[in-house]
Amino acid sequence: ELIQFARVVAGSTVIDVYPGDGDWTRLFSDIVGPGGRVYSFVPAE
């Protein structure tokens, strides 16, 4: 439901801000596929 709410689909470019353990980054990576991109953004702070 959250993925649908976020409208992340195959081919999307997603920025995951402060990804923690990376669970969302991995999930988005699986969804966007080879045609998409996921930036796992760790704030310098």
PDB file of all heavy atoms in Angstrom:
ATOM      1  N   GLU A   1       0.827  -1.209   0.000  1.00  0.00           N
ATOM      2  CA  GLU A   1       0.000   0.000   0.000  1.00  0.00           C
ATOM      3  C   GLU A   1       0.859   1.255   0.000  1.00  0.00           C
ATOM      4  O   GLU A   1       0.563   2.236  -0.695  1.00  0.00           O
ATOM      5  CB  GLU A   1      -0.927  -0.019   1.220  1.00  0.00           C
ATOM      6  CG  GLU A   1      -2.054   1.006   1.153  1.00  0.00           C
ATOM      7  CD  GLU A   1      -3.055   0.855   2.285  1.00  0.00           C
ATOM      8  OE1 GLU A   1      -2.973  -0.147   3.039  1.00  0.00           O
ATOM      9  OE2 GLU A   1      -3.929   1.734   2.427  1.00  0.00           O
ATOM     10  N   LEU A   2       1.945   1.221   0.763  1.00  0.00           N
ATOM     11  CA  LEU A   2       2.845   2.371   0.812  1.00  0.00           C
ATOM     12  C   LEU A   2       3.528   2.607  -0.531  1.00  0.00           C
ATOM     13  O   LEU A   2       3.685   3.751  -0.972  1.00  0.00           O
ATOM     14  CB  LEU A   2       3.902   2.169   1.906  1.00  0.00           C
ATOM     15  CG  LEU A   2       3.462   2.491   3.333  1.00  0.00           C
ATOM     16  CD1 LEU A   2       4.484   1.969   4.333  1.00  0.00           C
ATOM     17  CD2 LEU A   2       3.282   4.000   3.507  1.00  0.00           C
ATOM     18  N   ILE A   3       3.937   1.531  -1.180  1.00  0.00           N
ATOM     19  CA  ILE A   3       4.585   1.653  -2.486  1.00  0.00           C
ATOM     20  C   ILE A   3       3.616   2.254  -3.508  1.00  0.00           C
ATOM     21  O   ILE A   3       3.984   3.140  -4.294  1.00  0.00           O
ATOM     22  CB  ILE A   3       5.082   0.277  -2.973  1.00  0.00           C
ATOM     23  CG1 ILE A   3       6.211  -0.227  -2.074  1.00  0.00           C
ATOM     24  CG2 ILE A   3       5.561   0.374  -4.420  1.00  0.00           C
ATOM     25  CD1 ILE A   3       7.413   0.658  -2.008  1.00  0.00           C
ATOM     26  N   GLN A   4       2.384   1.791  -3.488  1.00  0.00           N
ATOM     27  CA  GLN A   4       1.386   2.346  -4.394  1.00  0.00           C
ATOM     28  C   GLN A   4       1.125   3.814  -4.073  1.00  0.00           C
ATOM     29  O   GLN A   4       0.979   4.640  -4.984  1.00  0.00           O
ATOM     30  CB  GLN A   4       0.086   1.541  -4.293  1.00  0.00           C
ATOM     31  CG  GLN A   4       0.195   0.126  -4.839  1.00  0.00           C
ATOM     32  CD  GLN A   4      -1.099  -0.661  -4.679  1.00  0.00           C
ATOM     33  OE1 GLN A   4      -2.117  -0.122  -4.263  1.00  0.00           O
ATOM     34  NE2 GLN A   4      -1.054  -1.940  -5.011  1.00  0.00           N
ATOM     35  N   PHE A   5       1.089   4.116  -2.777  1.00  0.00           N
ATOM     36  CA  PHE A   5       0.855   5.493  -2.346  1.00  0.00           C
ATOM     37  C   PHE A   5       1.982   6.404  -2.839  1.00  0.00           C
ATOM     38  O   PHE A   5       1.744   7.536  -3.268  1.00  0.00           O
ATOM     39  CB  PHE A   5       0.765   5.541  -0.819  1.00  0.00           C
ATOM     40  CG  PHE A   5       0.473   6.898  -0.259  1.00  0.00           C
ATOM     41  CD1 PHE A   5      -0.818   7.409  -0.258  1.00  0.00           C
ATOM     42  CD2 PHE A   5       1.491   7.675   0.282  1.00  0.00           C
ATOM     43  CE1 PHE A   5      -1.095   8.668   0.261  1.00  0.00           C
ATOM     44  CE2 PHE A   5       1.232   8.932   0.811  1.00  0.00           C
ATOM     45  CZ  PHE A   5      -0.069   9.429   0.805  1.00  0.00           C
ATOM     46  N   ALA A   6       3.217   5.900  -2.771  1.00  0.00           N
ATOM     47  CA  ALA A   6       4.378   6.685  -3.186  1.00  0.00           C
ATOM     48  C   ALA A   6       4.499   6.788  -4.700  1.00  0.00           C
ATOM     49  O   ALA A   6       5.242   7.627  -5.209  1.00  0.00           O
ATOM     50  CB  ALA A   6       5.650   6.076  -2.606  1.00  0.00           C
ATOM     51  N   ARG A   7       3.808   5.920  -5.414  1.00  0.00           N
ATOM     52  CA  ARG A   7       3.831   5.893  -6.874  1.00  0.00           C
ATOM     53  C   ARG A   7       5.225   5.581  -7.427  1.00  0.00           C
ATOM     54  O   ARG A   7       5.667   6.170  -8.408  1.00  0.00           O
ATOM     55  CB  ARG A   7       3.287   7.199  -7.457  1.00  0.00           C
ATOM     56  CG  ARG A   7       1.832   7.460  -7.076  1.00  0.00           C
ATOM     57  CD  ARG A   7       1.150   8.470  -7.956  1.00  0.00           C
ATOM     58  NE  ARG A   7       1.770   9.791  -7.880  1.00  0.00           N
ATOM     59  CZ  ARG A   7       1.170  10.917  -8.256  1.00  0.00           C
ATOM     60  NH1 ARG A   7      -0.072  10.887  -8.718  1.00  0.00           N
ATOM     61  NH2 ARG A   7       1.794  12.070  -8.179  1.00  0.00           N
ATOM     62  N   VAL A   8       5.902   4.657  -6.764  1.00  0.00           N
ATOM     63  CA  VAL A   8       7.182   4.150  -7.265  1.00  0.00           C
ATOM     64  C   VAL A   8       6.884   2.985  -8.206  1.00  0.00           C
ATOM     65  O   VAL A   8       6.229   2.014  -7.817  1.00  0.00           O
ATOM     66  CB  VAL A   8       8.085   3.676  -6.107  1.00  0.00           C
ATOM     67  CG1 VAL A   8       9.372   3.063  -6.657  1.00  0.00           C
ATOM     68  CG2 VAL A   8       8.404   4.831  -5.173  1.00  0.00           C
ATOM     69  N   VAL A   9       7.351   3.087  -9.444  1.00  0.00           N
ATOM     70  CA  VAL A   9       7.076   2.061 -10.453  1.00  0.00           C
ATOM     71  C   VAL A   9       8.360   1.758 -11.224  1.00  0.00           C
ATOM     72  O   VAL A   9       9.385   2.414 -11.047  1.00  0.00           O
ATOM     73  CB  VAL A   9       5.980   2.519 -11.438  1.00  0.00           C
ATOM     74  CG1 VAL A   9       4.659   2.746 -10.723  1.00  0.00           C
ATOM     75  CG2 VAL A   9       6.411   3.787 -12.175  1.00  0.00           C
ATOM     76  N   ALA A  10       8.297   0.742 -12.060  1.00  0.00           N
ATOM     77  CA  ALA A  10       9.434   0.393 -12.897  1.00  0.00           C
ATOM     78  C   ALA A  10       9.892   1.602 -13.699  1.00  0.00           C
ATOM     79  O   ALA A  10       9.073   2.311 -14.293  1.00  0.00           O
ATOM     80  CB  ALA A  10       9.068  -0.755 -13.829  1.00  0.00           C
ATOM     81  N   GLY A  11      11.199   1.848 -13.682  1.00  0.00           N
ATOM     82  CA  GLY A  11      11.757   2.962 -14.431  1.00  0.00           C
ATOM     83  C   GLY A  11      11.841   4.268 -13.667  1.00  0.00           C
ATOM     84  O   GLY A  11      12.414   5.240 -14.163  1.00  0.00           O
ATOM     85  N   SER A  12      11.286   4.305 -12.454  1.00  0.00           N
ATOM     86  CA  SER A  12      11.313   5.535 -11.654  1.00  0.00           C
ATOM     87  C   SER A  12      12.724   5.861 -11.177  1.00  0.00           C
ATOM     88  O   SER A  12      13.561   4.977 -10.986  1.00  0.00           O
ATOM     89  CB  SER A  12      10.414   5.401 -10.419  1.00  0.00           C
ATOM     90  OG  SER A  12       9.062   5.293 -10.735  1.00  0.00           O
ATOM     91  N   THR A  13      12.967   7.148 -10.972  1.00  0.00           N
ATOM     92  CA  THR A  13      14.158   7.606 -10.251  1.00  0.00           C
ATOM     93  C   THR A  13      13.689   8.050  -8.875  1.00  0.00           C
ATOM     94  O   THR A  13      12.802   8.902  -8.764  1.00  0.00           O
ATOM     95  CB  THR A  13      14.842   8.778 -10.972  1.00  0.00           C
ATOM     96  OG1 THR A  13      15.342   8.318 -12.228  1.00  0.00           O
ATOM     97  CG2 THR A  13      16.013   9.308 -10.138  1.00  0.00           C
ATOM     98  N   VAL A  14      14.269   7.437  -7.838  1.00  0.00           N
ATOM     99  CA  VAL A  14      13.839   7.670  -6.461  1.00  0.00           C
ATOM    100  C   VAL A  14      15.017   8.141  -5.620  1.00  0.00           C
ATOM    101  O   VAL A  14      16.134   7.621  -5.743  1.00  0.00           O
ATOM    102  CB  VAL A  14      13.266   6.381  -5.832  1.00  0.00           C
ATOM    103  CG1 VAL A  14      12.767   6.643  -4.409  1.00  0.00           C
ATOM    104  CG2 VAL A  14      12.139   5.821  -6.695  1.00  0.00           C
ATOM    105  N   ILE A  15      14.766   9.123  -4.759  1.00  0.00           N
ATOM    106  CA  ILE A  15      15.761   9.545  -3.780  1.00  0.00           C
ATOM    107  C   ILE A  15      15.259   9.135  -2.411  1.00  0.00           C
ATOM    108  O   ILE A  15      14.208   9.598  -1.952  1.00  0.00           O
ATOM    109  CB  ILE A  15      15.998  11.064  -3.820  1.00  0.00           C
ATOM    110  CG1 ILE A  15      16.432  11.506  -5.224  1.00  0.00           C
ATOM    111  CG2 ILE A  15      17.073  11.461  -2.798  1.00  0.00           C
ATOM    112  CD1 ILE A  15      16.543  13.011  -5.389  1.00  0.00           C
ATOM    113  N   ASP A  16      15.991   8.238  -1.768  1.00  0.00           N
ATOM    114  CA  ASP A  16      15.662   7.745  -0.431  1.00  0.00           C
ATOM    115  C   ASP A  16      16.530   8.511   0.559  1.00  0.00           C
ATOM    116  O   ASP A  16      17.731   8.266   0.660  1.00  0.00           O
ATOM    117  CB  ASP A  16      15.939   6.240  -0.357  1.00  0.00           C
ATOM    118  CG  ASP A  16      15.589   5.626   0.993  1.00  0.00           C
ATOM    119  OD1 ASP A  16      14.905   6.289   1.794  1.00  0.00           O
ATOM    120  OD2 ASP A  16      16.005   4.466   1.239  1.00  0.00           O
ATOM    121  N   VAL A  17      15.933   9.467   1.263  1.00  0.00           N
ATOM    122  CA  VAL A  17      16.698  10.343   2.151  1.00  0.00           C
ATOM    123  C   VAL A  17      16.854   9.723   3.526  1.00  0.00           C
ATOM    124  O   VAL A  17      15.880   9.311   4.146  1.00  0.00           O
ATOM    125  CB  VAL A  17      16.017  11.721   2.260  1.00  0.00           C
ATOM    126  CG1 VAL A  17      16.754  12.605   3.263  1.00  0.00           C
ATOM    127  CG2 VAL A  17      15.983  12.404   0.899  1.00  0.00           C
ATOM    128  N   TYR A  18      18.074   9.701   4.017  1.00  0.00           N
ATOM    129  CA  TYR A  18      18.473   9.083   5.280  1.00  0.00           C
ATOM    130  C   TYR A  18      17.955   7.644   5.334  1.00  0.00           C
ATOM    131  O   TYR A  18      17.025   7.314   6.060  1.00  0.00           O
ATOM    132  CB  TYR A  18      17.964   9.892   6.471  1.00  0.00           C
ATOM    133  CG  TYR A  18      18.686   9.593   7.780  1.00  0.00           C
ATOM    134  CD1 TYR A  18      19.817   8.788   7.829  1.00  0.00           C
ATOM    135  CD2 TYR A  18      18.227  10.129   8.979  1.00  0.00           C
ATOM    136  CE1 TYR A  18      20.468   8.520   9.014  1.00  0.00           C
ATOM    137  CE2 TYR A  18      18.880   9.872  10.183  1.00  0.00           C
ATOM    138  CZ  TYR A  18      19.998   9.070  10.185  1.00  0.00           C
ATOM    139  OH  TYR A  18      20.642   8.808  11.373  1.00  0.00           O
ATOM    140  N   PRO A  19      18.579   6.759   4.566  1.00  0.00           N
ATOM    141  CA  PRO A  19      18.050   5.414   4.339  1.00  0.00           C
ATOM    142  C   PRO A  19      18.182   4.422   5.484  1.00  0.00           C
ATOM    143  O   PRO A  19      17.690   3.300   5.371  1.00  0.00           O
ATOM    144  CB  PRO A  19      18.865   4.936   3.130  1.00  0.00           C
ATOM    145  CG  PRO A  19      20.142   5.694   3.225  1.00  0.00           C
ATOM    146  CD  PRO A  19      19.765   7.038   3.760  1.00  0.00           C
ATOM    147  N   GLY A  20      18.839   4.792   6.579  1.00  0.00           N
ATOM    148  CA  GLY A  20      18.921   3.890   7.724  1.00  0.00           C
ATOM    149  C   GLY A  20      19.629   2.593   7.377  1.00  0.00           C
ATOM    150  O   GLY A  20      20.771   2.589   6.912  1.00  0.00           O
ATOM    151  N   ASP A  21      18.937   1.469   7.568  1.00  0.00           N
ATOM    152  CA  ASP A  21      19.517   0.160   7.259  1.00  0.00           C
ATOM    153  C   ASP A  21      19.445  -0.184   5.775  1.00  0.00           C
ATOM    154  O   ASP A  21      19.940  -1.226   5.352  1.00  0.00           O
ATOM    155  CB  ASP A  21      18.803  -0.930   8.064  1.00  0.00           C
ATOM    156  CG  ASP A  21      19.092  -0.834   9.554  1.00  0.00           C
ATOM    157  OD1 ASP A  21      20.172  -0.334   9.908  1.00  0.00           O
ATOM    158  OD2 ASP A  21      18.234  -1.257  10.355  1.00  0.00           O
ATOM    159  N   GLY A  22      18.797   0.672   5.005  1.00  0.00           N
ATOM    160  CA  GLY A  22      18.725   0.447   3.566  1.00  0.00           C
ATOM    161  C   GLY A  22      17.556  -0.394   3.100  1.00  0.00           C
ATOM    162  O   GLY A  22      17.492  -0.763   1.921  1.00  0.00           O
ATOM    163  N   ASP A  23      16.627  -0.690   4.001  1.00  0.00           N
ATOM    164  CA  ASP A  23      15.501  -1.545   3.618  1.00  0.00           C
ATOM    165  C   ASP A  23      14.674  -0.935   2.484  1.00  0.00           C
ATOM    166  O   ASP A  23      14.280  -1.637   1.543  1.00  0.00           O
ATOM    167  CB  ASP A  23      14.602  -1.808   4.828  1.00  0.00           C
ATOM    168  CG  ASP A  23      15.278  -2.664   5.884  1.00  0.00           C
ATOM    169  OD1 ASP A  23      16.281  -3.335   5.549  1.00  0.00           O
ATOM    170  OD2 ASP A  23      14.814  -2.667   7.038  1.00  0.00           O
ATOM    171  N   TRP A  24      14.414   0.371   2.574  1.00  0.00           N
ATOM    172  CA  TRP A  24      13.610   1.017   1.525  1.00  0.00           C
ATOM    173  C   TRP A  24      14.420   1.118   0.238  1.00  0.00           C
ATOM    174  O   TRP A  24      13.869   0.943  -0.858  1.00  0.00           O
ATOM    175  CB  TRP A  24      13.145   2.399   1.985  1.00  0.00           C
ATOM    176  CG  TRP A  24      12.100   2.342   3.036  1.00  0.00           C
ATOM    177  CD1 TRP A  24      12.232   2.623   4.365  1.00  0.00           C
ATOM    178  CD2 TRP A  24      10.732   1.922   2.867  1.00  0.00           C
ATOM    179  NE1 TRP A  24      11.049   2.421   5.024  1.00  0.00           N
ATOM    180  CE2 TRP A  24      10.114   1.990   4.133  1.00  0.00           C
ATOM    181  CE3 TRP A  24       9.989   1.496   1.770  1.00  0.00           C
ATOM    182  CZ2 TRP A  24       8.766   1.657   4.333  1.00  0.00           C
ATOM    183  CZ3 TRP A  24       8.646   1.158   1.961  1.00  0.00           C
ATOM    184  CH2 TRP A  24       8.055   1.243   3.233  1.00  0.00           C
ATOM    185  N   THR A  25      15.705   1.390   0.357  1.00  0.00           N
ATOM    186  CA  THR A  25      16.551   1.457  -0.836  1.00  0.00           C
ATOM    187  C   THR A  25      16.507   0.133  -1.589  1.00  0.00           C
ATOM    188  O   THR A  25      16.364   0.103  -2.819  1.00  0.00           O
ATOM    189  CB  THR A  25      17.999   1.796  -0.449  1.00  0.00           C
ATOM    190  OG1 THR A  25      18.062   3.142   0.054  1.00  0.00           O
ATOM    191  CG2 THR A  25      18.923   1.685  -1.657  1.00  0.00           C
ATOM    192  N   ARG A  26      16.621  -0.963  -0.869  1.00  0.00           N
ATOM    193  CA  ARG A  26      16.568  -2.286  -1.512  1.00  0.00           C
ATOM    194  C   ARG A  26      15.208  -2.518  -2.175  1.00  0.00           C
ATOM    195  O   ARG A  26      15.126  -3.031  -3.292  1.00  0.00           O
ATOM    196  CB  ARG A  26      16.840  -3.385  -0.484  1.00  0.00           C
ATOM    197  CG  ARG A  26      18.281  -3.484  -0.027  1.00  0.00           C
ATOM    198  CD  ARG A  26      18.493  -4.717   0.851  1.00  0.00           C
ATOM    199  NE  ARG A  26      19.875  -4.863   1.256  1.00  0.00           N
ATOM    200  CZ  ARG A  26      20.395  -4.344   2.373  1.00  0.00           C
ATOM    201  NH1 ARG A  26      19.617  -3.652   3.196  1.00  0.00           N
ATOM    202  NH2 ARG A  26      21.671  -4.517   2.668  1.00  0.00           N
ATOM    203  N   LEU A  27      14.156  -2.168  -1.461  1.00  0.00           N
ATOM    204  CA  LEU A  27      12.810  -2.379  -1.992  1.00  0.00           C
ATOM    205  C   LEU A  27      12.592  -1.556  -3.258  1.00  0.00           C
ATOM    206  O   LEU A  27      12.091  -2.063  -4.270  1.00  0.00           O
ATOM    207  CB  LEU A  27      11.781  -2.009  -0.926  1.00  0.00           C
ATOM    208  CG  LEU A  27      10.308  -2.260  -1.251  1.00  0.00           C
ATOM    209  CD1 LEU A  27      10.065  -3.730  -1.585  1.00  0.00           C
ATOM    210  CD2 LEU A  27       9.426  -1.840  -0.074  1.00  0.00           C
ATOM    211  N   PHE A  28      13.003  -0.281  -3.209  1.00  0.00           N
ATOM    212  CA  PHE A  28      12.853   0.572  -4.387  1.00  0.00           C
ATOM    213  C   PHE A  28      13.709   0.069  -5.543  1.00  0.00           C
ATOM    214  O   PHE A  28      13.298   0.118  -6.706  1.00  0.00           O
ATOM    215  CB  PHE A  28      13.234   2.016  -4.042  1.00  0.00           C
ATOM    216  CG  PHE A  28      12.311   2.679  -3.052  1.00  0.00           C
ATOM    217  CD1 PHE A  28      12.791   3.613  -2.143  1.00  0.00           C
ATOM    218  CD2 PHE A  28      10.963   2.380  -3.027  1.00  0.00           C
ATOM    219  CE1 PHE A  28      11.952   4.225  -1.231  1.00  0.00           C
ATOM    220  CE2 PHE A  28      10.103   2.990  -2.120  1.00  0.00           C
ATOM    221  CZ  PHE A  28      10.604   3.920  -1.216  1.00  0.00           C
ATOM    222  N   SER A  29      14.895  -0.429  -5.232  1.00  0.00           N
ATOM    223  CA  SER A  29      15.782  -0.974  -6.258  1.00  0.00           C
ATOM    224  C   SER A  29      15.105  -2.122  -7.004  1.00  0.00           C
ATOM    225  O   SER A  29      15.172  -2.208  -8.235  1.00  0.00           O
ATOM    226  CB  SER A  29      17.085  -1.451  -5.617  1.00  0.00           C
ATOM    227  OG  SER A  29      17.887  -2.162  -6.535  1.00  0.00           O
ATOM    228  N   ASP A  30      14.446  -2.991  -6.250  1.00  0.00           N
ATOM    229  CA  ASP A  30      13.749  -4.123  -6.875  1.00  0.00           C
ATOM    230  C   ASP A  30      12.617  -3.648  -7.769  1.00  0.00           C
ATOM    231  O   ASP A  30      12.358  -4.224  -8.835  1.00  0.00           O
ATOM    232  CB  ASP A  30      13.194  -5.055  -5.799  1.00  0.00           C
ATOM    233  CG  ASP A  30      14.277  -5.792  -5.021  1.00  0.00           C
ATOM    234  OD1 ASP A  30      15.411  -5.894  -5.528  1.00  0.00           O
ATOM    235  OD2 ASP A  30      13.979  -6.265  -3.904  1.00  0.00           O
ATOM    236  N   ILE A  31      11.921  -2.607  -7.327  1.00  0.00           N
ATOM    237  CA  ILE A  31      10.740  -2.141  -8.058  1.00  0.00           C
ATOM    238  C   ILE A  31      11.113  -1.366  -9.318  1.00  0.00           C
ATOM    239  O   ILE A  31      10.545  -1.606 -10.394  1.00  0.00           O
ATOM    240  CB  ILE A  31       9.852  -1.266  -7.154  1.00  0.00           C
ATOM    241  CG1 ILE A  31       9.273  -2.110  -6.014  1.00  0.00           C
ATOM    242  CG2 ILE A  31       8.727  -0.618  -7.953  1.00  0.00           C
ATOM    243  CD1 ILE A  31       8.610  -1.289  -4.935  1.00  0.00           C
ATOM    244  N   VAL A  32      12.061  -0.438  -9.218  1.00  0.00           N
ATOM    245  CA  VAL A  32      12.368   0.411 -10.378  1.00  0.00           C
ATOM    246  C   VAL A  32      13.098  -0.359 -11.467  1.00  0.00           C
ATOM    247  O   VAL A  32      13.037   0.007 -12.647  1.00  0.00           O
ATOM    248  CB  VAL A  32      13.177   1.658  -9.975  1.00  0.00           C
ATOM    249  CG1 VAL A  32      12.435   2.440  -8.897  1.00  0.00           C
ATOM    250  CG2 VAL A  32      14.601   1.308  -9.520  1.00  0.00           C
ATOM    251  N   GLY A  33      13.793  -1.444 -11.090  1.00  0.00           N
ATOM    252  CA  GLY A  33      14.440  -2.298 -12.079  1.00  0.00           C
ATOM    253  C   GLY A  33      15.619  -1.640 -12.782  1.00  0.00           C
ATOM    254  O   GLY A  33      16.057  -0.538 -12.428  1.00  0.00           O
ATOM    255  N   PRO A  34      16.129  -2.303 -13.813  1.00  0.00           N
ATOM    256  CA  PRO A  34      17.320  -1.805 -14.507  1.00  0.00           C
ATOM    257  C   PRO A  34      17.115  -0.482 -15.229  1.00  0.00           C
ATOM    258  O   PRO A  34      18.078   0.234 -15.519  1.00  0.00           O
ATOM    259  CB  PRO A  34      17.641  -2.930 -15.507  1.00  0.00           C
ATOM    260  CG  PRO A  34      16.352  -3.677 -15.675  1.00  0.00           C
ATOM    261  CD  PRO A  34      15.672  -3.605 -14.341  1.00  0.00           C
ATOM    262  N   GLY A  35      15.867  -0.136 -15.497  1.00  0.00           N
ATOM    263  CA  GLY A  35      15.590   1.127 -16.170  1.00  0.00           C
ATOM    264  C   GLY A  35      15.420   2.297 -15.226  1.00  0.00           C
ATOM    265  O   GLY A  35      15.227   3.433 -15.673  1.00  0.00           O
ATOM    266  N   GLY A  36      15.477   2.019 -13.925  1.00  0.00           N
ATOM    267  CA  GLY A  36      15.306   3.064 -12.934  1.00  0.00           C
ATOM    268  C   GLY A  36      16.589   3.361 -12.178  1.00  0.00           C
ATOM    269  O   GLY A  36      17.650   2.818 -12.483  1.00  0.00           O
ATOM    270  N   ARG A  37      16.466   4.239 -11.193  1.00  0.00           N
ATOM    271  CA  ARG A  37      17.624   4.647 -10.404  1.00  0.00           C
ATOM    272  C   ARG A  37      17.175   4.950  -8.986  1.00  0.00           C
ATOM    273  O   ARG A  37      16.113   5.534  -8.776  1.00  0.00           O
ATOM    274  CB  ARG A  37      18.252   5.909 -11.007  1.00  0.00           C
ATOM    275  CG  ARG A  37      19.625   6.262 -10.452  1.00  0.00           C
ATOM    276  CD  ARG A  37      20.647   5.330 -11.021  1.00  0.00           C
ATOM    277  NE  ARG A  37      22.005   5.678 -10.619  1.00  0.00           N
ATOM    278  CZ  ARG A  37      23.028   4.846 -10.692  1.00  0.00           C
ATOM    279  NH1 ARG A  37      22.844   3.621 -11.167  1.00  0.00           N
ATOM    280  NH2 ARG A  37      24.233   5.212 -10.328  1.00  0.00           N
ATOM    281  N   VAL A  38      17.991   4.530  -8.003  1.00  0.00           N
ATOM    282  CA  VAL A  38      17.717   4.848  -6.607  1.00  0.00           C
ATOM    283  C   VAL A  38      18.946   5.517  -6.015  1.00  0.00           C
ATOM    284  O   VAL A  38      20.041   4.939  -6.014  1.00  0.00           O
ATOM    285  CB  VAL A  38      17.375   3.596  -5.774  1.00  0.00           C
ATOM    286  CG1 VAL A  38      17.088   3.991  -4.325  1.00  0.00           C
ATOM    287  CG2 VAL A  38      16.181   2.865  -6.370  1.00  0.00           C
ATOM    288  N   TYR A  39      18.760   6.732  -5.534  1.00  0.00           N
ATOM    289  CA  TYR A  39      19.823   7.426  -4.808  1.00  0.00           C
ATOM    290  C   TYR A  39      19.591   7.213  -3.324  1.00  0.00           C
ATOM    291  O   TYR A  39      18.572   7.635  -2.769  1.00  0.00           O
ATOM    292  CB  TYR A  39      19.812   8.916  -5.136  1.00  0.00           C
ATOM    293  CG  TYR A  39      20.263   9.223  -6.538  1.00  0.00           C
ATOM    294  CD1 TYR A  39      19.333   9.386  -7.563  1.00  0.00           C
ATOM    295  CD2 TYR A  39      21.618   9.330  -6.853  1.00  0.00           C
ATOM    296  CE1 TYR A  39      19.742   9.656  -8.860  1.00  0.00           C
ATOM    297  CE2 TYR A  39      22.036   9.600  -8.150  1.00  0.00           C
ATOM    298  CZ  TYR A  39      21.096   9.767  -9.141  1.00  0.00           C
ATOM    299  OH  TYR A  39      21.493  10.029 -10.434  1.00  0.00           O
ATOM    300  N   SER A  40      20.536   6.539  -2.684  1.00  0.00           N
ATOM    301  CA  SER A  40      20.477   6.332  -1.245  1.00  0.00           C
ATOM    302  C   SER A  40      21.237   7.494  -0.624  1.00  0.00           C
ATOM    303  O   SER A  40      22.469   7.482  -0.538  1.00  0.00           O
ATOM    304  CB  SER A  40      21.118   4.988  -0.886  1.00  0.00           C
ATOM    305  OG  SER A  40      20.797   4.602   0.425  1.00  0.00           O
ATOM    306  N   PHE A  41      20.490   8.526  -0.214  1.00  0.00           N
ATOM    307  CA  PHE A  41      21.097   9.801   0.186  1.00  0.00           C
ATOM    308  C   PHE A  41      21.298   9.879   1.692  1.00  0.00           C
ATOM    309  O   PHE A  41      20.339   9.918   2.461  1.00  0.00           O
ATOM    310  CB  PHE A  41      20.232  10.968  -0.284  1.00  0.00           C
ATOM    311  CG  PHE A  41      20.778  12.314   0.107  1.00  0.00           C
ATOM    312  CD1 PHE A  41      21.842  12.867  -0.599  1.00  0.00           C
ATOM    313  CD2 PHE A  41      20.255  13.010   1.183  1.00  0.00           C
ATOM    314  CE1 PHE A  41      22.374  14.101  -0.232  1.00  0.00           C
ATOM    315  CE2 PHE A  41      20.772  14.243   1.566  1.00  0.00           C
ATOM    316  CZ  PHE A  41      21.833  14.785   0.847  1.00  0.00           C
ATOM    317  N   VAL A  42      22.567   9.904   2.092  1.00  0.00           N
ATOM    318  CA  VAL A  42      22.930  10.026   3.508  1.00  0.00           C
ATOM    319  C   VAL A  42      23.322  11.477   3.781  1.00  0.00           C
ATOM    320  O   VAL A  42      24.339  11.948   3.257  1.00  0.00           O
ATOM    321  CB  VAL A  42      24.097   9.093   3.863  1.00  0.00           C
ATOM    322  CG1 VAL A  42      24.490   9.269   5.330  1.00  0.00           C
ATOM    323  CG2 VAL A  42      23.739   7.645   3.580  1.00  0.00           C
ATOM    324  N   PRO A  43      22.552  12.214   4.575  1.00  0.00           N
ATOM    325  CA  PRO A  43      22.923  13.594   4.871  1.00  0.00           C
ATOM    326  C   PRO A  43      24.301  13.668   5.522  1.00  0.00           C
ATOM    327  O   PRO A  43      24.640  12.849   6.380  1.00  0.00           O
ATOM    328  CB  PRO A  43      21.826  14.055   5.848  1.00  0.00           C
ATOM    329  CG  PRO A  43      20.663  13.139   5.569  1.00  0.00           C
ATOM    330  CD  PRO A  43      21.280  11.828   5.217  1.00  0.00           C
ATOM    331  N   ALA A  44      25.103  14.631   5.106  1.00  0.00           N
ATOM    332  CA  ALA A  44      26.431  14.798   5.698  1.00  0.00           C
ATOM    333  C   ALA A  44      26.336  15.044   7.199  1.00  0.00           C
ATOM    334  O   ALA A  44      27.281  14.744   7.937  1.00  0.00           O
ATOM    335  CB  ALA A  44      27.155  15.959   5.012  1.00  0.00           C
ATOM    336  N   GLU A  45      25.196  15.570   7.636  1.00  0.00           N
ATOM    337  CA  GLU A  45      25.000  15.848   9.057  1.00  0.00           C
ATOM    338  C   GLU A  45      25.102  14.584   9.916  1.00  0.00           C
ATOM    339  O   GLU A  45      25.377  14.663  11.116  1.00  0.00           O
ATOM    340  CB  GLU A  45      23.631  16.507   9.277  1.00  0.00           C
ATOM    341  CG  GLU A  45      23.537  17.947   8.784  1.00  0.00           C
ATOM    342  CD  GLU A  45      23.206  18.074   7.304  1.00  0.00           C
ATOM    343  OE1 GLU A  45      23.278  17.060   6.560  1.00  0.00           O
ATOM    344  OE2 GLU A  45      22.888  19.190   6.877  1.00  0.00           O
TER     345      GLU A  45
END
